[in-house]
Amino acid sequence: METGKRPVLGFMVRPLAVFCLLSLICGGCSPKENYKATVRSGIMTLPHVQEIKKLFPDAPTDHFFIEYGFHKDQPTTWNTVVYFDGRYVLTYSIDVWIDFHSHRVTNVASAPTFHLWEARKITVHPGGSVECEYEPPGYLFGEEKWNKIVAARGDFSAAGIQLKTNSPVPGFDEYIQAWREGRVQVE
């Protein structure tokens, strides 16, 4: 038996060396950077994302995947969420196929859906938790109504939805902050 060698340590070093080598080959890539690259791909290529950015240029907006990387053999859900007019949350959702090797969205796998929620009351609790009551039932609509809104340059009444503008709900900024706190921000 040779002295000074530990098989257990040798076993542990090899996977670490392989990981380091792969990291160098990837140019220092990390799971977070891979995720961001994939989100950037979606921002640039998915239908309606650029329209949302154009209609709400200064509104807080998040782009993200649900269950990113968990199921590589099935589509992943993309969401764009925009907070606007001090009381509204618009969510755009679409299922997409991702090429995880190249970190990009390759195809859409479903029709898009849009969901518009109107905050009725927001309560900021001691300790920082935030609770929001929405006006029921919200508005769930598809691409046809969305295209009317886009053609009307963001006027939701073109799709039969009357917004309450210039009437912010107290606590809406805290609500936005609470929702966005744990999300990876990608522009």
C-alpha atoms as a PDB file:
ATOM      1  CA  MET A   1       0.000   0.000   0.000  1.00  0.00           C
ATOM      2  CA  GLU A   2       1.361   3.390  -0.933  1.00  0.00           C
ATOM      3  CA  THR A   3       1.632   5.976   1.780  1.00  0.00           C
ATOM      4  CA  GLY A   4       0.496   9.560   1.389  1.00  0.00           C
ATOM      5  CA  LYS A   5      -2.371   8.758  -1.016  1.00  0.00           C
ATOM      6  CA  ARG A   6      -6.007   8.791  -0.052  1.00  0.00           C
ATOM      7  CA  PRO A   7      -8.407   7.127  -2.458  1.00  0.00           C
ATOM      8  CA  VAL A   8     -11.371   9.047  -1.022  1.00  0.00           C
ATOM      9  CA  LEU A   9      -9.647  12.383  -1.553  1.00  0.00           C
ATOM     10  CA  GLY A  10      -8.628  11.343  -5.073  1.00  0.00           C
ATOM     11  CA  PHE A  11     -12.246  10.457  -5.818  1.00  0.00           C
ATOM     12  CA  MET A  12     -13.404  13.863  -4.587  1.00  0.00           C
ATOM     13  CA  VAL A  13     -10.741  15.808  -6.473  1.00  0.00           C
ATOM     14  CA  ARG A  14     -11.560  14.343  -9.877  1.00  0.00           C
ATOM     15  CA  PRO A  15     -15.154  15.638 -10.024  1.00  0.00           C
ATOM     16  CA  LEU A  16     -13.944  19.020  -8.776  1.00  0.00           C
ATOM     17  CA  ALA A  17     -11.258  19.066 -11.498  1.00  0.00           C
ATOM     18  CA  VAL A  18     -13.857  18.145 -14.138  1.00  0.00           C
ATOM     19  CA  PHE A  19     -16.159  20.915 -12.885  1.00  0.00           C
ATOM     20  CA  CYS A  20     -13.324  23.456 -13.010  1.00  0.00           C
ATOM     21  CA  LEU A  21     -12.348  22.341 -16.511  1.00  0.00           C
ATOM     22  CA  LEU A  22     -15.956  22.633 -17.714  1.00  0.00           C
ATOM     23  CA  SER A  23     -16.203  26.070 -16.118  1.00  0.00           C
ATOM     24  CA  LEU A  24     -13.109  27.182 -18.017  1.00  0.00           C
ATOM     25  CA  ILE A  25     -14.461  25.777 -21.267  1.00  0.00           C
ATOM     26  CA  CYS A  26     -17.742  27.640 -20.693  1.00  0.00           C
ATOM     27  CA  GLY A  27     -15.789  30.842 -20.142  1.00  0.00           C
ATOM     28  CA  GLY A  28     -16.666  31.041 -16.482  1.00  0.00           C
ATOM     29  CA  CYS A  29     -20.357  30.372 -17.065  1.00  0.00           C
ATOM     30  CA  SER A  30     -22.590  29.862 -14.070  1.00  0.00           C
ATOM     31  CA  PRO A  31     -26.152  28.595 -13.732  1.00  0.00           C
ATOM     32  CA  LYS A  32     -27.330  32.139 -12.975  1.00  0.00           C
ATOM     33  CA  GLU A  33     -25.576  33.546 -16.058  1.00  0.00           C
ATOM     34  CA  ASN A  34     -26.941  30.692 -18.197  1.00  0.00           C
ATOM     35  CA  TYR A  35     -30.444  31.500 -16.929  1.00  0.00           C
ATOM     36  CA  LYS A  36     -29.973  35.198 -17.689  1.00  0.00           C
ATOM     37  CA  ALA A  37     -28.742  34.406 -21.208  1.00  0.00           C
ATOM     38  CA  THR A  38     -31.821  32.262 -21.827  1.00  0.00           C
ATOM     39  CA  VAL A  39     -34.138  34.982 -20.508  1.00  0.00           C
ATOM     40  CA  ARG A  40     -32.425  37.554 -22.750  1.00  0.00           C
ATOM     41  CA  SER A  41     -33.077  35.206 -25.678  1.00  0.00           C
ATOM     42  CA  GLY A  42     -36.763  35.108 -24.777  1.00  0.00           C
ATOM     43  CA  ILE A  43     -36.969  38.884 -24.399  1.00  0.00           C
ATOM     44  CA  MET A  44     -35.608  39.301 -27.914  1.00  0.00           C
ATOM     45  CA  THR A  45     -37.469  36.494 -29.692  1.00  0.00           C
ATOM     46  CA  LEU A  46     -40.810  35.763 -28.061  1.00  0.00           C
ATOM     47  CA  PRO A  47     -43.931  37.287 -29.550  1.00  0.00           C
ATOM     48  CA  HIS A  48     -45.418  40.209 -27.630  1.00  0.00           C
ATOM     49  CA  VAL A  49     -42.535  40.844 -25.201  1.00  0.00           C
ATOM     50  CA  GLN A  50     -41.225  43.788 -27.218  1.00  0.00           C
ATOM     51  CA  GLU A  51     -44.783  45.122 -27.511  1.00  0.00           C
ATOM     52  CA  ILE A  52     -45.149  45.012 -23.731  1.00  0.00           C
ATOM     53  CA  LYS A  53     -41.826  46.804 -23.288  1.00  0.00           C
ATOM     54  CA  LYS A  54     -42.898  49.475 -25.784  1.00  0.00           C
ATOM     55  CA  LEU A  55     -46.338  50.027 -24.205  1.00  0.00           C
ATOM     56  CA  PHE A  56     -44.927  50.179 -20.650  1.00  0.00           C
ATOM     57  CA  PRO A  57     -41.393  51.558 -21.065  1.00  0.00           C
ATOM     58  CA  ASP A  58     -40.968  52.888 -17.526  1.00  0.00           C
ATOM     59  CA  ALA A  59     -43.031  50.320 -15.618  1.00  0.00           C
ATOM     60  CA  PRO A  60     -41.336  47.723 -13.406  1.00  0.00           C
ATOM     61  CA  THR A  61     -41.215  44.560 -15.504  1.00  0.00           C
ATOM     62  CA  ASP A  62     -39.985  41.024 -14.839  1.00  0.00           C
ATOM     63  CA  HIS A  63     -39.238  38.277 -17.335  1.00  0.00           C
ATOM     64  CA  PHE A  64     -38.779  34.744 -16.027  1.00  0.00           C
ATOM     65  CA  PHE A  65     -39.361  31.028 -16.514  1.00  0.00           C
ATOM     66  CA  ILE A  66     -41.360  28.732 -14.279  1.00  0.00           C
ATOM     67  CA  GLU A  67     -39.461  25.541 -13.384  1.00  0.00           C
ATOM     68  CA  TYR A  68     -36.472  26.466 -15.535  1.00  0.00           C
ATOM     69  CA  GLY A  69     -34.364  23.391 -16.251  1.00  0.00           C
ATOM     70  CA  PHE A  70     -36.489  20.938 -14.274  1.00  0.00           C
ATOM     71  CA  HIS A  71     -38.112  19.220 -17.248  1.00  0.00           C
ATOM     72  CA  LYS A  72     -35.859  19.282 -20.277  1.00  0.00           C
ATOM     73  CA  ASP A  73     -38.154  16.965 -22.229  1.00  0.00           C
ATOM     74  CA  GLN A  74     -41.177  19.265 -22.121  1.00  0.00           C
ATOM     75  CA  PRO A  75     -41.949  22.967 -22.554  1.00  0.00           C
ATOM     76  CA  THR A  76     -41.287  25.542 -19.856  1.00  0.00           C
ATOM     77  CA  THR A  77     -43.607  28.434 -19.055  1.00  0.00           C
ATOM     78  CA  TRP A  78     -42.351  31.952 -19.773  1.00  0.00           C
ATOM     79  CA  ASN A  79     -43.837  34.922 -17.921  1.00  0.00           C
ATOM     80  CA  THR A  80     -43.515  38.636 -18.407  1.00  0.00           C
ATOM     81  CA  VAL A  81     -45.093  40.610 -15.568  1.00  0.00           C
ATOM     82  CA  VAL A  82     -45.561  44.369 -15.705  1.00  0.00           C
ATOM     83  CA  TYR A  83     -46.832  46.586 -12.875  1.00  0.00           C
ATOM     84  CA  PHE A  84     -48.475  49.830 -13.974  1.00  0.00           C
ATOM     85  CA  ASP A  85     -50.775  52.733 -13.140  1.00  0.00           C
ATOM     86  CA  GLY A  86     -50.323  52.175  -9.412  1.00  0.00           C
ATOM     87  CA  ARG A  87     -52.834  49.345  -9.315  1.00  0.00           C
ATOM     88  CA  TYR A  88     -52.507  46.899 -12.236  1.00  0.00           C
ATOM     89  CA  VAL A  89     -50.511  43.727 -12.815  1.00  0.00           C
ATOM     90  CA  LEU A  90     -50.403  42.321 -16.353  1.00  0.00           C
ATOM     91  CA  THR A  91     -49.001  38.833 -16.846  1.00  0.00           C
ATOM     92  CA  TYR A  92     -48.100  37.441 -20.264  1.00  0.00           C
ATOM     93  CA  SER A  93     -47.574  33.661 -20.280  1.00  0.00           C
ATOM     94  CA  ILE A  94     -46.537  31.294 -23.035  1.00  0.00           C
ATOM     95  CA  ASP A  95     -45.064  27.785 -23.056  1.00  0.00           C
ATOM     96  CA  VAL A  96     -41.714  27.568 -24.813  1.00  0.00           C
ATOM     97  CA  TRP A  97     -39.058  25.072 -25.776  1.00  0.00           C
ATOM     98  CA  ILE A  98     -35.546  25.844 -24.591  1.00  0.00           C
ATOM     99  CA  ASP A  99     -32.191  24.671 -25.908  1.00  0.00           C
ATOM    100  CA  PHE A 100     -30.385  24.460 -22.570  1.00  0.00           C
ATOM    101  CA  HIS A 101     -27.042  23.838 -24.258  1.00  0.00           C
ATOM    102  CA  SER A 102     -27.088  27.139 -26.162  1.00  0.00           C
ATOM    103  CA  HIS A 103     -29.165  29.008 -23.527  1.00  0.00           C
ATOM    104  CA  ARG A 104     -31.883  30.190 -25.845  1.00  0.00           C
ATOM    105  CA  VAL A 105     -35.583  29.888 -26.475  1.00  0.00           C
ATOM    106  CA  THR A 106     -36.121  27.913 -29.674  1.00  0.00           C
ATOM    107  CA  ASN A 107     -39.897  27.644 -30.208  1.00  0.00           C
ATOM    108  CA  VAL A 108     -43.247  28.504 -28.710  1.00  0.00           C
ATOM    109  CA  ALA A 109     -45.366  25.547 -27.610  1.00  0.00           C
ATOM    110  CA  SER A 110     -48.703  27.205 -26.814  1.00  0.00           C
ATOM    111  CA  ALA A 111     -50.866  30.188 -27.557  1.00  0.00           C
ATOM    112  CA  PRO A 112     -50.142  33.172 -25.320  1.00  0.00           C
ATOM    113  CA  THR A 113     -52.416  34.188 -22.478  1.00  0.00           C
ATOM    114  CA  PHE A 114     -52.697  37.553 -20.800  1.00  0.00           C
ATOM    115  CA  HIS A 115     -54.061  38.106 -17.321  1.00  0.00           C
ATOM    116  CA  LEU A 116     -54.818  41.565 -15.970  1.00  0.00           C
ATOM    117  CA  TRP A 117     -55.332  41.983 -12.239  1.00  0.00           C
ATOM    118  CA  GLU A 118     -56.531  45.152 -10.525  1.00  0.00           C
ATOM    119  CA  ALA A 119     -55.460  45.737  -6.928  1.00  0.00           C
ATOM    120  CA  ARG A 120     -58.350  46.773  -4.712  1.00  0.00           C
ATOM    121  CA  LYS A 121     -56.555  47.018  -1.370  1.00  0.00           C
ATOM    122  CA  ILE A 122     -52.978  46.447  -0.267  1.00  0.00           C
ATOM    123  CA  THR A 123     -51.992  45.860   3.337  1.00  0.00           C
ATOM    124  CA  VAL A 124     -48.376  46.187   4.428  1.00  0.00           C
ATOM    125  CA  HIS A 125     -47.984  44.203   7.652  1.00  0.00           C
ATOM    126  CA  PRO A 126     -45.450  44.854  10.402  1.00  0.00           C
ATOM    127  CA  GLY A 127     -42.342  42.921   9.457  1.00  0.00           C
ATOM    128  CA  GLY A 128     -42.703  43.758   5.775  1.00  0.00           C
ATOM    129  CA  SER A 129     -45.082  41.123   4.409  1.00  0.00           C
ATOM    130  CA  VAL A 130     -47.580  42.479   1.910  1.00  0.00           C
ATOM    131  CA  GLU A 131     -51.104  41.322   1.189  1.00  0.00           C
ATOM    132  CA  CYS A 132     -53.093  42.311  -1.899  1.00  0.00           C
ATOM    133  CA  GLU A 133     -56.820  41.978  -2.512  1.00  0.00           C
ATOM    134  CA  TYR A 134     -57.763  42.021  -6.192  1.00  0.00           C
ATOM    135  CA  GLU A 135     -60.942  43.138  -7.859  1.00  0.00           C
ATOM    136  CA  PRO A 136     -62.620  39.942  -8.970  1.00  0.00           C
ATOM    137  CA  PRO A 137     -62.456  38.272 -11.371  1.00  0.00           C
ATOM    138  CA  GLY A 138     -59.611  39.929 -13.275  1.00  0.00           C
ATOM    139  CA  TYR A 139     -59.364  39.728 -17.040  1.00  0.00           C
ATOM    140  CA  LEU A 140     -58.047  36.668 -18.854  1.00  0.00           C
ATOM    141  CA  PHE A 141     -57.677  37.161 -22.594  1.00  0.00           C
ATOM    142  CA  GLY A 142     -55.791  35.939 -25.614  1.00  0.00           C
ATOM    143  CA  GLU A 143     -53.874  37.236 -28.563  1.00  0.00           C
ATOM    144  CA  GLU A 144     -56.876  38.695 -30.395  1.00  0.00           C
ATOM    145  CA  LYS A 145     -57.715  41.159 -27.600  1.00  0.00           C
ATOM    146  CA  TRP A 146     -54.033  41.848 -27.005  1.00  0.00           C
ATOM    147  CA  ASN A 147     -53.605  42.831 -30.655  1.00  0.00           C
ATOM    148  CA  LYS A 148     -56.481  45.317 -30.269  1.00  0.00           C
ATOM    149  CA  ILE A 149     -54.760  46.845 -27.225  1.00  0.00           C
ATOM    150  CA  VAL A 150     -51.472  47.125 -29.144  1.00  0.00           C
ATOM    151  CA  ALA A 151     -53.204  48.663 -32.180  1.00  0.00           C
ATOM    152  CA  ALA A 152     -54.780  51.223 -29.808  1.00  0.00           C
ATOM    153  CA  ARG A 153     -51.313  52.008 -28.355  1.00  0.00           C
ATOM    154  CA  GLY A 154     -52.103  50.575 -24.927  1.00  0.00           C
ATOM    155  CA  ASP A 155     -55.724  51.627 -24.640  1.00  0.00           C
ATOM    156  CA  PHE A 156     -57.326  48.623 -22.944  1.00  0.00           C
ATOM    157  CA  SER A 157     -60.822  49.935 -23.732  1.00  0.00           C
ATOM    158  CA  ALA A 158     -60.211  48.736 -27.309  1.00  0.00           C
ATOM    159  CA  ALA A 159     -60.559  45.227 -25.832  1.00  0.00           C
ATOM    160  CA  GLY A 160     -63.525  46.152 -23.625  1.00  0.00           C
ATOM    161  CA  ILE A 161     -61.473  46.724 -20.444  1.00  0.00           C
ATOM    162  CA  GLN A 162     -61.892  50.014 -18.612  1.00  0.00           C
ATOM    163  CA  LEU A 163     -58.859  50.974 -16.512  1.00  0.00           C
ATOM    164  CA  LYS A 164     -58.853  53.319 -13.549  1.00  0.00           C
ATOM    165  CA  THR A 165     -55.946  55.604 -14.317  1.00  0.00           C
ATOM    166  CA  ASN A 166     -54.593  58.276 -11.974  1.00  0.00           C
ATOM    167  CA  SER A 167     -55.990  56.364  -9.009  1.00  0.00           C
ATOM    168  CA  PRO A 168     -53.106  54.458  -7.406  1.00  0.00           C
ATOM    169  CA  VAL A 169     -53.726  52.045  -4.557  1.00  0.00           C
ATOM    170  CA  PRO A 170     -51.743  52.917  -1.407  1.00  0.00           C
ATOM    171  CA  GLY A 171     -49.005  50.336  -0.812  1.00  0.00           C
ATOM    172  CA  PHE A 172     -48.663  49.352  -4.484  1.00  0.00           C
ATOM    173  CA  ASP A 173     -44.936  50.173  -4.540  1.00  0.00           C
ATOM    174  CA  GLU A 174     -44.372  47.944  -1.496  1.00  0.00           C
ATOM    175  CA  TYR A 175     -46.388  45.216  -3.206  1.00  0.00           C
ATOM    176  CA  ILE A 176     -44.180  45.452  -6.300  1.00  0.00           C
ATOM    177  CA  GLN A 177     -41.030  45.342  -4.187  1.00  0.00           C
ATOM    178  CA  ALA A 178     -42.242  42.277  -2.280  1.00  0.00           C
ATOM    179  CA  TRP A 179     -42.992  40.359  -5.495  1.00  0.00           C
ATOM    180  CA  ARG A 180     -39.770  41.342  -7.231  1.00  0.00           C
ATOM    181  CA  GLU A 181     -37.477  40.732  -4.267  1.00  0.00           C
ATOM    182  CA  GLY A 182     -36.559  37.121  -5.045  1.00  0.00           C
ATOM    183  CA  ARG A 183     -36.541  37.328  -8.831  1.00  0.00           C
ATOM    184  CA  VAL A 184     -33.401  37.419 -10.943  1.00  0.00           C
ATOM    185  CA  GLN A 185     -33.597  40.741 -12.777  1.00  0.00           C
ATOM    186  CA  VAL A 186     -32.770  40.515 -16.472  1.00  0.00           C
ATOM    187  CA  GLU A 187     -32.883  43.347 -19.005  1.00  0.00           C
END
